[in-house]
PDB file of N, CA and C in Angstrom:
ATOM      1  N   MET A   1       0.713  -1.329  -0.250  1.00  0.00           N
ATOM      2  CA  MET A   1       0.032   0.035  -0.139  1.00  0.00           C
ATOM      3  C   MET A   1       1.091   1.447  -0.173  1.00  0.00           C
ATOM      4  N   SER A   2       0.386   2.400  -0.352  1.00  0.00           N
ATOM      5  CA  SER A   2       0.944   3.532  -0.608  1.00  0.00           C
ATOM      6  C   SER A   2       0.539   4.448   0.428  1.00  0.00           C
ATOM      7  N   GLU A   3       1.498   4.819   0.829  1.00  0.00           N
ATOM      8  CA  GLU A   3       1.195   6.053   2.099  1.00  0.00           C
ATOM      9  C   GLU A   3       1.542   7.383   1.484  1.00  0.00           C
ATOM     10  N   VAL A   4       0.445   8.411   2.146  1.00  0.00           N
ATOM     11  CA  VAL A   4       0.434   9.706   1.830  1.00  0.00           C
ATOM     12  C   VAL A   4       0.604  10.625   2.430  1.00  0.00           C
ATOM     13  N   LYS A   5       1.779  11.378   1.642  1.00  0.00           N
ATOM     14  CA  LYS A   5       2.794  11.935   2.125  1.00  0.00           C
ATOM     15  C   LYS A   5       2.635  13.557   2.322  1.00  0.00           C
ATOM     16  N   LEU A   6       3.093  14.415   3.194  1.00  0.00           N
ATOM     17  CA  LEU A   6       2.694  16.193   3.216  1.00  0.00           C
ATOM     18  C   LEU A   6       3.774  16.648   2.248  1.00  0.00           C
ATOM     19  N   PHE A   7       3.420  17.230   1.451  1.00  0.00           N
ATOM     20  CA  PHE A   7       4.535  17.921   0.649  1.00  0.00           C
ATOM     21  C   PHE A   7       4.425  19.746   0.612  1.00  0.00           C
ATOM     22  N   ARG A   8       5.794  20.012   1.089  1.00  0.00           N
ATOM     23  CA  ARG A   8       5.851  21.753   1.134  1.00  0.00           C
ATOM     24  C   ARG A   8       5.940  22.377  -0.379  1.00  0.00           C
ATOM     25  N   ILE A   9       5.313  23.209  -0.964  1.00  0.00           N
ATOM     26  CA  ILE A   9       5.933  23.595  -2.128  1.00  0.00           C
ATOM     27  C   ILE A   9       5.598  25.108  -1.822  1.00  0.00           C
ATOM     28  N   THR A  10       6.927  25.876  -2.020  1.00  0.00           N
ATOM     29  CA  THR A  10       7.520  27.224  -2.058  1.00  0.00           C
ATOM     30  C   THR A  10       7.466  27.781  -4.110  1.00  0.00           C
ATOM     31  N   GLY A  11       6.779  28.781  -4.161  1.00  0.00           N
ATOM     32  CA  GLY A  11       7.404  29.269  -5.398  1.00  0.00           C
ATOM     33  C   GLY A  11       6.935  30.428  -5.710  1.00  0.00           C
ATOM     34  N   ASP A  12       6.986  31.298  -7.080  1.00  0.00           N
ATOM     35  CA  ASP A  12       6.005  32.411  -7.035  1.00  0.00           C
ATOM     36  C   ASP A  12       5.227  32.636  -8.159  1.00  0.00           C
ATOM     37  N   LEU A  13       4.203  33.791  -8.010  1.00  0.00           N
ATOM     38  CA  LEU A  13       3.000  33.204  -8.679  1.00  0.00           C
ATOM     39  C   LEU A  13       3.337  34.589  -9.678  1.00  0.00           C
ATOM     40  N   ARG A  14       3.410  34.645 -10.737  1.00  0.00           N
ATOM     41  CA  ARG A  14       3.626  35.838 -11.416  1.00  0.00           C
ATOM     42  C   ARG A  14       2.313  36.767 -11.992  1.00  0.00           C
ATOM     43  N   LYS A  15       1.632  37.366 -11.562  1.00  0.00           N
ATOM     44  CA  LYS A  15       0.478  37.843 -11.879  1.00  0.00           C
ATOM     45  C   LYS A  15      -0.028  39.626 -11.825  1.00  0.00           C
ATOM     46  N   HIS A  16      -0.070  39.718 -13.391  1.00  0.00           N
ATOM     47  CA  HIS A  16       0.170  41.721 -13.500  1.00  0.00           C
ATOM     48  C   HIS A  16       0.924  42.311 -13.082  1.00  0.00           C
ATOM     49  N   GLY A  17       2.221  41.508 -13.685  1.00  0.00           N
ATOM     50  CA  GLY A  17       3.595  42.155 -13.317  1.00  0.00           C
ATOM     51  C   GLY A  17       4.005  42.623 -11.711  1.00  0.00           C
ATOM     52  N   GLU A  18       3.734  41.202 -10.905  1.00  0.00           N
ATOM     53  CA  GLU A  18       3.916  41.041  -9.570  1.00  0.00           C
ATOM     54  C   GLU A  18       3.958  39.355  -9.547  1.00  0.00           C
ATOM     55  N   ASN A  19       5.189  40.004  -8.724  1.00  0.00           N
ATOM     56  CA  ASN A  19       5.707  38.793  -8.245  1.00  0.00           C
ATOM     57  C   ASN A  19       5.070  37.916  -6.932  1.00  0.00           C
ATOM     58  N   LEU A  20       4.317  36.902  -6.479  1.00  0.00           N
ATOM     59  CA  LEU A  20       3.899  36.830  -5.409  1.00  0.00           C
ATOM     60  C   LEU A  20       4.346  35.756  -4.817  1.00  0.00           C
ATOM     61  N   HIS A  21       5.107  35.539  -3.602  1.00  0.00           N
ATOM     62  CA  HIS A  21       5.239  34.267  -3.024  1.00  0.00           C
ATOM     63  C   HIS A  21       4.417  33.685  -2.493  1.00  0.00           C
ATOM     64  N   PHE A  22       4.684  31.839  -2.458  1.00  0.00           N
ATOM     65  CA  PHE A  22       3.386  31.699  -1.650  1.00  0.00           C
ATOM     66  C   PHE A  22       4.349  30.125  -0.987  1.00  0.00           C
ATOM     67  N   LYS A  23       3.686  29.596   0.241  1.00  0.00           N
ATOM     68  CA  LYS A  23       4.439  28.456   0.575  1.00  0.00           C
ATOM     69  C   LYS A  23       2.896  27.584   0.734  1.00  0.00           C
ATOM     70  N   LYS A  24       2.518  26.289   0.499  1.00  0.00           N
ATOM     71  CA  LYS A  24       1.527  25.917   0.593  1.00  0.00           C
ATOM     72  C   LYS A  24       1.994  23.994   0.854  1.00  0.00           C
ATOM     73  N   GLU A  25       1.360  23.654   1.773  1.00  0.00           N
ATOM     74  CA  GLU A  25       1.030  22.406   1.845  1.00  0.00           C
ATOM     75  C   GLU A  25       0.042  21.433   1.632  1.00  0.00           C
ATOM     76  N   ILE A  26       0.504  20.110   0.910  1.00  0.00           N
ATOM     77  CA  ILE A  26      -0.558  19.304   0.248  1.00  0.00           C
ATOM     78  C   ILE A  26      -0.040  18.150   0.141  1.00  0.00           C
ATOM     79  N   ARG A  27      -1.058  17.031   0.581  1.00  0.00           N
ATOM     80  CA  ARG A  27      -1.103  15.521   1.026  1.00  0.00           C
ATOM     81  C   ARG A  27      -1.251  15.270  -0.389  1.00  0.00           C
ATOM     82  N   ALA A  28      -0.613  13.938  -1.022  1.00  0.00           N
ATOM     83  CA  ALA A  28      -0.225  13.255  -2.065  1.00  0.00           C
ATOM     84  C   ALA A  28       0.426  11.880  -1.535  1.00  0.00           C
ATOM     85  N   LEU A  29       0.149  11.142  -3.025  1.00  0.00           N
ATOM     86  CA  LEU A  29       0.951  10.037  -2.647  1.00  0.00           C
ATOM     87  C   LEU A  29       2.478  10.416  -2.979  1.00  0.00           C
ATOM     88  N   LYS A  30       2.712  11.096  -4.280  1.00  0.00           N
ATOM     89  CA  LYS A  30       4.345  11.380  -4.884  1.00  0.00           C
ATOM     90  C   LYS A  30       4.391  12.937  -5.148  1.00  0.00           C
ATOM     91  N   LYS A  31       5.439  13.267  -5.166  1.00  0.00           N
ATOM     92  CA  LYS A  31       5.805  14.477  -5.609  1.00  0.00           C
ATOM     93  C   LYS A  31       4.849  15.390  -6.808  1.00  0.00           C
ATOM     94  N   GLU A  32       4.830  14.632  -8.039  1.00  0.00           N
ATOM     95  CA  GLU A  32       4.196  14.704  -8.997  1.00  0.00           C
ATOM     96  C   GLU A  32       2.629  14.846  -8.972  1.00  0.00           C
ATOM     97  N   ASP A  33       2.146  14.393  -7.776  1.00  0.00           N
ATOM     98  CA  ASP A  33       0.510  14.345  -7.728  1.00  0.00           C
ATOM     99  C   ASP A  33       0.326  15.728  -6.677  1.00  0.00           C
ATOM    100  N   ALA A  34       1.251  15.867  -6.233  1.00  0.00           N
ATOM    101  CA  ALA A  34       1.616  17.390  -5.756  1.00  0.00           C
ATOM    102  C   ALA A  34       1.302  18.716  -6.018  1.00  0.00           C
ATOM    103  N   LEU A  35       2.212  18.527  -6.920  1.00  0.00           N
ATOM    104  CA  LEU A  35       2.344  19.691  -8.263  1.00  0.00           C
ATOM    105  C   LEU A  35       1.414  19.516  -8.813  1.00  0.00           C
ATOM    106  N   ALA A  36       0.435  18.604  -9.447  1.00  0.00           N
ATOM    107  CA  ALA A  36      -0.319  18.647  -9.981  1.00  0.00           C
ATOM    108  C   ALA A  36      -1.847  18.999  -9.388  1.00  0.00           C
ATOM    109  N   ALA A  37      -1.910  19.089  -8.282  1.00  0.00           N
ATOM    110  CA  ALA A  37      -3.214  19.630  -7.247  1.00  0.00           C
ATOM    111  C   ALA A  37      -2.302  20.967  -6.744  1.00  0.00           C
ATOM    112  N   LEU A  38      -1.686  21.494  -6.606  1.00  0.00           N
ATOM    113  CA  LEU A  38      -0.810  22.763  -6.695  1.00  0.00           C
ATOM    114  C   LEU A  38      -1.328  23.747  -7.703  1.00  0.00           C
ATOM    115  N   TYR A  39      -0.857  23.129  -8.920  1.00  0.00           N
ATOM    116  CA  TYR A  39      -1.364  23.780 -10.281  1.00  0.00           C
ATOM    117  C   TYR A  39      -3.085  23.777 -10.226  1.00  0.00           C
ATOM    118  N   ALA A  40      -3.860  22.864 -10.146  1.00  0.00           N
ATOM    119  CA  ALA A  40      -5.260  23.093  -9.944  1.00  0.00           C
ATOM    120  C   ALA A  40      -5.909  24.127  -9.116  1.00  0.00           C
ATOM    121  N   ASP A  41      -4.944  23.895  -8.127  1.00  0.00           N
ATOM    122  CA  ASP A  41      -5.744  25.166  -6.837  1.00  0.00           C
ATOM    123  C   ASP A  41      -5.313  26.175  -6.911  1.00  0.00           C
ATOM    124  N   MET A  42      -4.115  26.483  -7.589  1.00  0.00           N
ATOM    125  CA  MET A  42      -3.933  27.859  -8.125  1.00  0.00           C
ATOM    126  C   MET A  42      -4.387  28.426  -9.176  1.00  0.00           C
ATOM    127  N   GLY A  43      -4.756  27.649  -9.973  1.00  0.00           N
ATOM    128  CA  GLY A  43      -5.578  27.742 -11.330  1.00  0.00           C
ATOM    129  C   GLY A  43      -7.099  28.287 -11.172  1.00  0.00           C
ATOM    130  N   SER A  44      -7.557  27.283  -9.944  1.00  0.00           N
ATOM    131  CA  SER A  44      -9.017  27.457  -9.619  1.00  0.00           C
ATOM    132  C   SER A  44      -9.038  28.822  -8.554  1.00  0.00           C
ATOM    133  N   ARG A  45      -8.240  29.118  -7.702  1.00  0.00           N
ATOM    134  CA  ARG A  45      -8.185  30.362  -6.896  1.00  0.00           C
ATOM    135  C   ARG A  45      -8.038  31.517  -7.195  1.00  0.00           C
ATOM    136  N   HIS A  46      -6.920  31.505  -8.264  1.00  0.00           N
ATOM    137  CA  HIS A  46      -6.412  32.595  -8.788  1.00  0.00           C
ATOM    138  C   HIS A  46      -6.048  33.027 -10.555  1.00  0.00           C
ATOM    139  N   LYS A  47      -6.894  31.855 -11.035  1.00  0.00           N
ATOM    140  CA  LYS A  47      -6.923  32.023 -12.680  1.00  0.00           C
ATOM    141  C   LYS A  47      -5.317  32.325 -12.939  1.00  0.00           C
ATOM    142  N   ALA A  48      -4.681  31.645 -12.480  1.00  0.00           N
ATOM    143  CA  ALA A  48      -3.074  31.256 -12.710  1.00  0.00           C
ATOM    144  C   ALA A  48      -3.345  30.106 -13.581  1.00  0.00           C
ATOM    145  N   ARG A  49      -2.366  30.284 -14.951  1.00  0.00           N
ATOM    146  CA  ARG A  49      -1.826  29.545 -15.726  1.00  0.00           C
ATOM    147  C   ARG A  49      -0.933  28.693 -15.434  1.00  0.00           C
ATOM    148  N   LYS A  50      -0.033  27.563 -15.842  1.00  0.00           N
ATOM    149  CA  LYS A  50       1.127  26.428 -15.526  1.00  0.00           C
ATOM    150  C   LYS A  50       2.167  27.991 -15.805  1.00  0.00           C
ATOM    151  N   PHE A  51       2.317  28.613 -16.736  1.00  0.00           N
ATOM    152  CA  PHE A  51       3.433  29.187 -16.645  1.00  0.00           C
ATOM    153  C   PHE A  51       3.887  30.289 -16.222  1.00  0.00           C
ATOM    154  N   GLN A  52       2.567  30.895 -15.412  1.00  0.00           N
ATOM    155  CA  GLN A  52       2.857  32.158 -14.129  1.00  0.00           C
ATOM    156  C   GLN A  52       3.139  31.524 -12.870  1.00  0.00           C
ATOM    157  N   ILE A  53       3.377  30.138 -12.804  1.00  0.00           N
ATOM    158  CA  ILE A  53       3.508  29.782 -11.152  1.00  0.00           C
ATOM    159  C   ILE A  53       4.893  29.465 -11.703  1.00  0.00           C
ATOM    160  N   ALA A  54       6.303  30.038 -10.641  1.00  0.00           N
ATOM    161  CA  ALA A  54       7.549  29.466 -10.606  1.00  0.00           C
ATOM    162  C   ALA A  54       7.487  28.402  -9.529  1.00  0.00           C
ATOM    163  N   ILE A  55       7.701  27.114  -9.659  1.00  0.00           N
ATOM    164  CA  ILE A  55       8.296  26.623  -8.426  1.00  0.00           C
ATOM    165  C   ILE A  55       9.960  26.436  -7.678  1.00  0.00           C
ATOM    166  N   LYS A  56       9.803  26.739  -7.069  1.00  0.00           N
ATOM    167  CA  LYS A  56      11.228  27.100  -6.187  1.00  0.00           C
ATOM    168  C   LYS A  56      11.840  25.367  -5.191  1.00  0.00           C
ATOM    169  N   THR A  57      11.006  25.235  -4.535  1.00  0.00           N
ATOM    170  CA  THR A  57      11.243  24.191  -3.602  1.00  0.00           C
ATOM    171  C   THR A  57      10.038  23.080  -3.676  1.00  0.00           C
ATOM    172  N   VAL A  58      10.619  21.748  -3.334  1.00  0.00           N
ATOM    173  CA  VAL A  58       9.326  20.473  -3.477  1.00  0.00           C
ATOM    174  C   VAL A  58      10.021  20.104  -2.215  1.00  0.00           C
ATOM    175  N   GLU A  59       9.184  19.929  -0.707  1.00  0.00           N
ATOM    176  CA  GLU A  59      10.152  18.814  -0.069  1.00  0.00           C
ATOM    177  C   GLU A  59       9.101  18.335   1.097  1.00  0.00           C
ATOM    178  N   GLU A  60       9.470  17.193   1.150  1.00  0.00           N
ATOM    179  CA  GLU A  60       8.659  16.192   1.959  1.00  0.00           C
ATOM    180  C   GLU A  60       8.758  16.807   3.010  1.00  0.00           C
ATOM    181  N   VAL A  61       7.669  16.820   4.102  1.00  0.00           N
ATOM    182  CA  VAL A  61       7.391  17.236   5.200  1.00  0.00           C
ATOM    183  C   VAL A  61       7.328  16.046   6.344  1.00  0.00           C
ATOM    184  N   PRO A  62       8.052  15.396   7.473  1.00  0.00           N
ATOM    185  CA  PRO A  62       7.379  14.508   8.115  1.00  0.00           C
ATOM    186  C   PRO A  62       6.074  14.955   8.921  1.00  0.00           C
ATOM    187  N   GLU A  63       5.247  14.172   8.827  1.00  0.00           N
ATOM    188  CA  GLU A  63       3.946  14.863   9.477  1.00  0.00           C
ATOM    189  C   GLU A  63       4.083  14.883  11.109  1.00  0.00           C
ATOM    190  N   THR A  64       5.021  13.334  11.841  1.00  0.00           N
ATOM    191  CA  THR A  64       5.195  13.936  13.198  1.00  0.00           C
ATOM    192  C   THR A  64       5.501  14.906  13.795  1.00  0.00           C
ATOM    193  N   GLY A  65       6.644  15.215  12.851  1.00  0.00           N
ATOM    194  CA  GLY A  65       7.302  16.498  13.217  1.00  0.00           C
ATOM    195  C   GLY A  65       6.592  18.174  13.367  1.00  0.00           C
ATOM    196  N   GLU A  66       7.262  18.710  14.147  1.00  0.00           N
ATOM    197  CA  GLU A  66       6.435  20.258  14.118  1.00  0.00           C
ATOM    198  C   GLU A  66       6.660  20.987  12.932  1.00  0.00           C
ATOM    199  N   ARG A  67       5.661  21.614  12.588  1.00  0.00           N
ATOM    200  CA  ARG A  67       6.041  22.216  11.064  1.00  0.00           C
ATOM    201  C   ARG A  67       6.415  23.814  11.773  1.00  0.00           C
ATOM    202  N   ALA A  68       6.830  23.932  10.270  1.00  0.00           N
ATOM    203  CA  ALA A  68       7.316  25.616  10.545  1.00  0.00           C
ATOM    204  C   ALA A  68       6.444  26.439  10.098  1.00  0.00           C
TER     205      ALA A  68
END
């Protein structure tokens, strides 16, 4: 069985000539699924297209430890 993991994704959203920094935590089975969920969420909430989202880091966060 696969285990659901928590991923912290940071990056910039480029809209209207501004770079808006974001940090988002998403639960997914693998990194690719987390990125797909991020693109869908940002597109839905902010009407952002994939080329407007610049991903800086994707890291797996241990769920038992404290989050920063």
